[in-house]
Amino acid sequence: MKIHRINPCKRWSDVTVFNGIATFTEVADTDTNVDIKGQVQQIFDQAEASLALIDSDKSRILAVTIYITDFANFDGLNEIWDLWFPENCAPSRACVKAELVDPTLLVEMTFTAAAGEKFQ
C-alpha cells in the first residue's frame, strides 16, 4: 500500500497517510503571543486546513495527543476544545505535560484522522 506524504521536507511531512489513516501535528504558528485559547484556536484552524488536504474534516478525527506546557492552561484548552468538535464527535485523546522546543508555544497537538477515499 502506498504511503502518501503531503508537503514533505527533510524533517517532516505536513500530513502522512497510510491505509486511509492520516497523522499530522500542529502548533500555533500565526501569533505565539496569544494565550492558550488563542493558540488552541490557531491549531484547530490549521487542523481544518490539513484535514481538507486529505478530503476529511474534524468529525473524522480518531485521536489527538495534546502536549501542554502548563496544566494551569488545561481549562482554557478544554473550553476551545468543547466548542470546536461537533456534538458526539470527540475523539480519543491524551494530554501530556511537556517542555516544547519553542518556549513561546503553550501547546502542540498530534492528530490521527480517517482520510478520504483517494487515500485508502
N, C-alpha and C. Protein backbone atom coordinates (compact mmCIF):
# COMPACT_ATOMS: atom_id res chain seq x y z
N MET A 1 0.83 -1.18 0.00
CA MET A 1 0.00 0.00 0.00
C MET A 1 0.88 1.24 0.00
N LYS A 2 0.38 2.24 -0.69
CA LYS A 2 1.13 3.48 -0.83
C LYS A 2 1.07 4.33 0.44
N ILE A 3 2.20 4.95 0.76
CA ILE A 3 2.25 5.96 1.82
C ILE A 3 2.19 7.32 1.12
N HIS A 4 1.22 8.13 1.49
CA HIS A 4 1.07 9.48 0.94
C HIS A 4 1.73 10.45 1.91
N ARG A 5 2.67 11.25 1.42
CA ARG A 5 3.33 12.27 2.22
C ARG A 5 3.01 13.63 1.58
N ILE A 6 2.28 14.44 2.30
CA ILE A 6 1.86 15.73 1.77
C ILE A 6 2.84 16.81 2.23
N ASN A 7 3.39 17.52 1.27
CA ASN A 7 4.39 18.57 1.51
C ASN A 7 5.57 18.08 2.34
N PRO A 8 6.23 17.01 1.89
CA PRO A 8 7.37 16.52 2.66
C PRO A 8 8.58 17.44 2.53
N CYS A 9 9.34 17.50 3.60
CA CYS A 9 10.64 18.17 3.57
C CYS A 9 11.63 17.26 4.27
N LYS A 10 12.80 17.73 4.54
CA LYS A 10 13.84 16.88 5.13
C LYS A 10 13.47 16.34 6.51
N ARG A 11 12.74 17.14 7.33
CA ARG A 11 12.47 16.74 8.71
C ARG A 11 11.05 16.26 8.97
N TRP A 12 10.09 16.61 8.14
CA TRP A 12 8.71 16.16 8.37
C TRP A 12 7.88 16.32 7.11
N SER A 13 6.70 15.73 7.13
CA SER A 13 5.66 15.96 6.13
C SER A 13 4.51 16.65 6.84
N ASP A 14 3.81 17.52 6.12
CA ASP A 14 2.66 18.18 6.75
C ASP A 14 1.62 17.16 7.21
N VAL A 15 1.37 16.16 6.36
CA VAL A 15 0.44 15.08 6.68
C VAL A 15 1.01 13.80 6.08
N THR A 16 0.90 12.70 6.82
CA THR A 16 1.28 11.39 6.30
C THR A 16 0.06 10.48 6.39
N VAL A 17 -0.22 9.77 5.28
CA VAL A 17 -1.41 8.91 5.23
C VAL A 17 -0.98 7.51 4.80
N PHE A 18 -1.44 6.52 5.53
CA PHE A 18 -1.23 5.12 5.16
C PHE A 18 -2.51 4.35 5.43
N ASN A 19 -2.94 3.62 4.42
CA ASN A 19 -4.13 2.76 4.56
C ASN A 19 -5.35 3.55 5.06
N GLY A 20 -5.47 4.79 4.59
CA GLY A 20 -6.63 5.61 4.92
C GLY A 20 -6.56 6.32 6.26
N ILE A 21 -5.48 6.15 7.00
CA ILE A 21 -5.33 6.80 8.29
C ILE A 21 -4.23 7.85 8.19
N ALA A 22 -4.56 9.08 8.59
CA ALA A 22 -3.63 10.20 8.48
C ALA A 22 -3.13 10.62 9.85
N THR A 23 -1.91 11.12 9.88
CA THR A 23 -1.37 11.73 11.09
C THR A 23 -0.73 13.06 10.71
N PHE A 24 -0.86 14.03 11.60
CA PHE A 24 -0.23 15.33 11.41
C PHE A 24 -0.16 16.04 12.76
N THR A 25 0.77 16.97 12.86
CA THR A 25 0.99 17.71 14.10
C THR A 25 0.87 19.20 13.81
N GLU A 26 0.24 19.91 14.75
CA GLU A 26 0.03 21.34 14.60
C GLU A 26 0.51 22.09 15.84
N VAL A 27 1.07 23.27 15.62
CA VAL A 27 1.41 24.22 16.68
C VAL A 27 0.90 25.59 16.24
N ALA A 28 0.77 26.48 17.19
CA ALA A 28 0.39 27.85 16.85
C ALA A 28 1.53 28.47 16.05
N ASP A 29 1.26 28.91 14.84
CA ASP A 29 2.34 29.49 14.06
C ASP A 29 2.00 30.87 13.51
N THR A 30 0.85 31.40 13.90
CA THR A 30 0.46 32.73 13.45
C THR A 30 0.86 33.79 14.46
N ASP A 31 0.53 33.54 15.74
CA ASP A 31 0.82 34.51 16.80
C ASP A 31 1.01 33.76 18.11
N THR A 32 2.24 33.59 18.52
CA THR A 32 2.51 32.87 19.77
C THR A 32 2.44 33.78 20.99
N ASN A 33 2.09 35.04 20.79
CA ASN A 33 1.93 35.95 21.93
C ASN A 33 0.54 35.86 22.56
N VAL A 34 -0.37 35.10 21.95
CA VAL A 34 -1.71 34.97 22.49
C VAL A 34 -1.74 33.93 23.61
N ASP A 35 -2.84 33.91 24.36
CA ASP A 35 -2.99 32.95 25.46
C ASP A 35 -3.31 31.56 24.93
N ILE A 36 -3.54 30.63 25.84
CA ILE A 36 -3.78 29.23 25.46
C ILE A 36 -4.99 29.12 24.52
N LYS A 37 -6.04 29.87 24.78
CA LYS A 37 -7.23 29.79 23.93
C LYS A 37 -6.90 30.21 22.50
N GLY A 38 -6.12 31.27 22.37
CA GLY A 38 -5.72 31.73 21.05
C GLY A 38 -4.83 30.72 20.33
N GLN A 39 -3.91 30.10 21.07
CA GLN A 39 -3.04 29.10 20.44
C GLN A 39 -3.82 27.85 20.05
N VAL A 40 -4.75 27.42 20.91
CA VAL A 40 -5.56 26.25 20.57
C VAL A 40 -6.41 26.55 19.34
N GLN A 41 -6.99 27.74 19.26
CA GLN A 41 -7.80 28.08 18.09
C GLN A 41 -6.95 28.09 16.82
N GLN A 42 -5.72 28.60 16.90
CA GLN A 42 -4.82 28.56 15.74
C GLN A 42 -4.56 27.12 15.31
N ILE A 43 -4.33 26.25 16.28
CA ILE A 43 -4.09 24.84 15.98
C ILE A 43 -5.30 24.23 15.29
N PHE A 44 -6.48 24.51 15.79
CA PHE A 44 -7.69 23.95 15.17
C PHE A 44 -7.92 24.51 13.77
N ASP A 45 -7.63 25.78 13.56
CA ASP A 45 -7.76 26.36 12.22
C ASP A 45 -6.79 25.65 11.26
N GLN A 46 -5.57 25.42 11.69
CA GLN A 46 -4.59 24.71 10.87
C GLN A 46 -5.01 23.26 10.66
N ALA A 47 -5.56 22.63 11.69
CA ALA A 47 -6.00 21.25 11.56
C ALA A 47 -7.08 21.13 10.49
N GLU A 48 -8.00 22.10 10.46
CA GLU A 48 -9.04 22.06 9.42
C GLU A 48 -8.42 22.14 8.03
N ALA A 49 -7.40 22.96 7.86
CA ALA A 49 -6.71 23.05 6.57
C ALA A 49 -6.00 21.74 6.23
N SER A 50 -5.37 21.13 7.22
CA SER A 50 -4.69 19.84 6.99
C SER A 50 -5.70 18.75 6.65
N LEU A 51 -6.82 18.74 7.35
CA LEU A 51 -7.87 17.76 7.05
C LEU A 51 -8.41 17.93 5.63
N ALA A 52 -8.55 19.17 5.18
CA ALA A 52 -9.03 19.42 3.82
C ALA A 52 -8.08 18.83 2.77
N LEU A 53 -6.78 18.84 3.07
CA LEU A 53 -5.79 18.29 2.14
C LEU A 53 -6.00 16.79 1.90
N ILE A 54 -6.64 16.12 2.86
CA ILE A 54 -6.85 14.67 2.75
C ILE A 54 -8.32 14.33 2.61
N ASP A 55 -9.10 15.30 2.14
CA ASP A 55 -10.55 15.11 1.93
C ASP A 55 -11.23 14.61 3.18
N SER A 56 -10.96 15.26 4.31
CA SER A 56 -11.53 14.85 5.59
C SER A 56 -12.03 16.10 6.31
N ASP A 57 -12.53 15.90 7.52
CA ASP A 57 -12.98 17.02 8.35
C ASP A 57 -12.90 16.62 9.81
N LYS A 58 -13.19 17.56 10.70
CA LYS A 58 -12.99 17.33 12.14
C LYS A 58 -13.88 16.24 12.71
N SER A 59 -14.96 15.90 12.05
CA SER A 59 -15.81 14.79 12.53
C SER A 59 -15.15 13.44 12.31
N ARG A 60 -14.06 13.41 11.52
CA ARG A 60 -13.37 12.15 11.20
C ARG A 60 -12.05 12.01 11.96
N ILE A 61 -11.82 12.88 12.95
CA ILE A 61 -10.63 12.77 13.78
C ILE A 61 -10.82 11.59 14.74
N LEU A 62 -9.85 10.71 14.78
CA LEU A 62 -9.92 9.50 15.60
C LEU A 62 -9.27 9.68 16.97
N ALA A 63 -8.16 10.42 17.00
CA ALA A 63 -7.42 10.58 18.26
C ALA A 63 -6.58 11.86 18.18
N VAL A 64 -6.33 12.44 19.35
CA VAL A 64 -5.46 13.61 19.46
C VAL A 64 -4.57 13.42 20.69
N THR A 65 -3.27 13.64 20.49
CA THR A 65 -2.35 13.69 21.62
C THR A 65 -2.00 15.16 21.81
N ILE A 66 -2.23 15.65 23.01
CA ILE A 66 -2.02 17.06 23.35
C ILE A 66 -0.79 17.17 24.24
N TYR A 67 0.12 18.04 23.85
CA TYR A 67 1.31 18.32 24.64
C TYR A 67 1.14 19.75 25.16
N ILE A 68 0.97 19.90 26.46
CA ILE A 68 0.71 21.20 27.06
C ILE A 68 1.85 21.53 28.02
N THR A 69 2.27 22.77 28.04
CA THR A 69 3.44 23.14 28.85
C THR A 69 3.09 23.43 30.30
N ASP A 70 1.83 23.74 30.57
CA ASP A 70 1.44 24.10 31.93
C ASP A 70 -0.01 23.69 32.15
N PHE A 71 -0.25 22.82 33.13
CA PHE A 71 -1.62 22.36 33.38
C PHE A 71 -2.53 23.48 33.90
N ALA A 72 -1.96 24.64 34.25
CA ALA A 72 -2.79 25.78 34.60
C ALA A 72 -3.60 26.25 33.38
N ASN A 73 -3.17 25.86 32.18
CA ASN A 73 -3.87 26.22 30.95
C ASN A 73 -4.89 25.18 30.49
N PHE A 74 -5.06 24.12 31.27
CA PHE A 74 -5.91 23.00 30.88
C PHE A 74 -7.37 23.41 30.68
N ASP A 75 -7.91 24.24 31.57
CA ASP A 75 -9.31 24.66 31.44
C ASP A 75 -9.53 25.49 30.18
N GLY A 76 -8.61 26.38 29.87
CA GLY A 76 -8.72 27.18 28.65
C GLY A 76 -8.66 26.32 27.40
N LEU A 77 -7.78 25.33 27.40
CA LEU A 77 -7.70 24.38 26.30
C LEU A 77 -9.03 23.68 26.12
N ASN A 78 -9.58 23.16 27.22
CA ASN A 78 -10.84 22.42 27.15
C ASN A 78 -12.01 23.30 26.70
N GLU A 79 -11.98 24.58 27.04
CA GLU A 79 -13.06 25.48 26.63
C GLU A 79 -13.14 25.55 25.10
N ILE A 80 -12.01 25.74 24.44
CA ILE A 80 -11.98 25.81 22.98
C ILE A 80 -12.24 24.43 22.37
N TRP A 81 -11.67 23.41 22.97
CA TRP A 81 -11.89 22.02 22.52
C TRP A 81 -13.38 21.71 22.46
N ASP A 82 -14.10 22.00 23.54
CA ASP A 82 -15.52 21.67 23.62
C ASP A 82 -16.34 22.42 22.57
N LEU A 83 -15.93 23.62 22.23
CA LEU A 83 -16.65 24.40 21.22
C LEU A 83 -16.36 23.93 19.80
N TRP A 84 -15.18 23.38 19.58
CA TRP A 84 -14.74 23.06 18.22
C TRP A 84 -15.30 21.77 17.67
N PHE A 85 -15.39 20.74 18.48
CA PHE A 85 -15.83 19.44 17.98
C PHE A 85 -17.35 19.38 17.87
N PRO A 86 -17.86 18.79 16.78
CA PRO A 86 -19.31 18.61 16.66
C PRO A 86 -19.84 17.71 17.78
N GLU A 87 -21.10 17.84 18.09
CA GLU A 87 -21.75 17.03 19.13
C GLU A 87 -21.49 15.54 18.89
N ASN A 88 -21.07 14.84 19.93
CA ASN A 88 -20.83 13.40 19.90
C ASN A 88 -19.73 12.97 18.93
N CYS A 89 -18.78 13.85 18.64
CA CYS A 89 -17.68 13.51 17.73
C CYS A 89 -16.31 13.65 18.39
N ALA A 90 -16.27 13.84 19.69
CA ALA A 90 -14.97 13.99 20.35
C ALA A 90 -14.14 12.71 20.16
N PRO A 91 -12.90 12.86 19.74
CA PRO A 91 -12.04 11.69 19.55
C PRO A 91 -11.43 11.22 20.87
N SER A 92 -10.76 10.10 20.81
CA SER A 92 -9.92 9.68 21.93
C SER A 92 -8.82 10.71 22.08
N ARG A 93 -8.36 10.92 23.31
CA ARG A 93 -7.29 11.90 23.48
C ARG A 93 -6.44 11.58 24.69
N ALA A 94 -5.22 12.06 24.62
CA ALA A 94 -4.31 12.01 25.75
C ALA A 94 -3.73 13.41 25.90
N CYS A 95 -3.47 13.81 27.13
CA CYS A 95 -2.90 15.13 27.39
C CYS A 95 -1.67 14.94 28.27
N VAL A 96 -0.54 15.41 27.77
CA VAL A 96 0.73 15.21 28.43
C VAL A 96 1.37 16.56 28.71
N LYS A 97 1.89 16.75 29.91
CA LYS A 97 2.67 17.95 30.20
C LYS A 97 4.06 17.76 29.61
N ALA A 98 4.50 18.76 28.82
CA ALA A 98 5.78 18.62 28.13
C ALA A 98 6.46 19.97 27.98
N GLU A 99 7.77 19.91 27.87
CA GLU A 99 8.54 21.10 27.52
C GLU A 99 8.68 21.10 26.00
N LEU A 100 8.21 22.16 25.34
CA LEU A 100 8.30 22.24 23.89
C LEU A 100 9.57 22.97 23.49
N VAL A 101 10.06 22.71 22.29
CA VAL A 101 11.32 23.29 21.82
C VAL A 101 11.26 24.82 21.81
N ASP A 102 10.13 25.37 21.35
CA ASP A 102 9.96 26.82 21.32
C ASP A 102 9.25 27.25 22.60
N PRO A 103 9.89 28.02 23.46
CA PRO A 103 9.28 28.37 24.75
C PRO A 103 8.05 29.28 24.64
N THR A 104 7.79 29.86 23.46
CA THR A 104 6.58 30.67 23.30
C THR A 104 5.35 29.82 23.00
N LEU A 105 5.57 28.55 22.68
CA LEU A 105 4.45 27.65 22.41
C LEU A 105 3.90 27.11 23.73
N LEU A 106 2.59 27.17 23.87
CA LEU A 106 1.93 26.67 25.08
C LEU A 106 1.37 25.28 24.87
N VAL A 107 1.18 24.89 23.61
CA VAL A 107 0.53 23.61 23.32
C VAL A 107 0.91 23.15 21.90
N GLU A 108 0.94 21.85 21.74
CA GLU A 108 1.16 21.21 20.45
C GLU A 108 0.21 20.02 20.40
N MET A 109 -0.33 19.71 19.22
CA MET A 109 -1.27 18.58 19.12
C MET A 109 -0.92 17.72 17.92
N THR A 110 -0.98 16.41 18.13
CA THR A 110 -0.82 15.44 17.06
C THR A 110 -2.17 14.77 16.83
N PHE A 111 -2.61 14.80 15.58
CA PHE A 111 -3.93 14.29 15.19
C PHE A 111 -3.80 12.99 14.40
N THR A 112 -4.75 12.10 14.60
CA THR A 112 -4.93 10.91 13.78
C THR A 112 -6.34 11.00 13.25
N ALA A 113 -6.50 10.85 11.93
CA ALA A 113 -7.82 11.03 11.33
C ALA A 113 -8.04 10.05 10.18
N ALA A 114 -9.29 9.76 9.89
CA ALA A 114 -9.66 8.97 8.72
C ALA A 114 -9.62 9.89 7.51
N ALA A 115 -8.86 9.49 6.51
CA ALA A 115 -8.73 10.28 5.28
C ALA A 115 -9.85 9.92 4.31
N GLY A 116 -9.98 10.74 3.24
CA GLY A 116 -10.99 10.49 2.23
C GLY A 116 -10.63 9.30 1.34
N GLU A 117 -11.55 8.96 0.44
CA GLU A 117 -11.46 7.76 -0.40
C GLU A 117 -10.18 7.65 -1.22
N LYS A 118 -9.68 8.75 -1.77
CA LYS A 118 -8.49 8.64 -2.64
C LYS A 118 -7.23 8.32 -1.86
N PHE A 119 -7.31 8.32 -0.53
CA PHE A 119 -6.15 8.00 0.31
C PHE A 119 -6.26 6.61 0.93
N GLN A 120 -7.18 5.81 0.46
CA GLN A 120 -7.37 4.46 1.00
C GLN A 120 -6.29 3.53 0.52
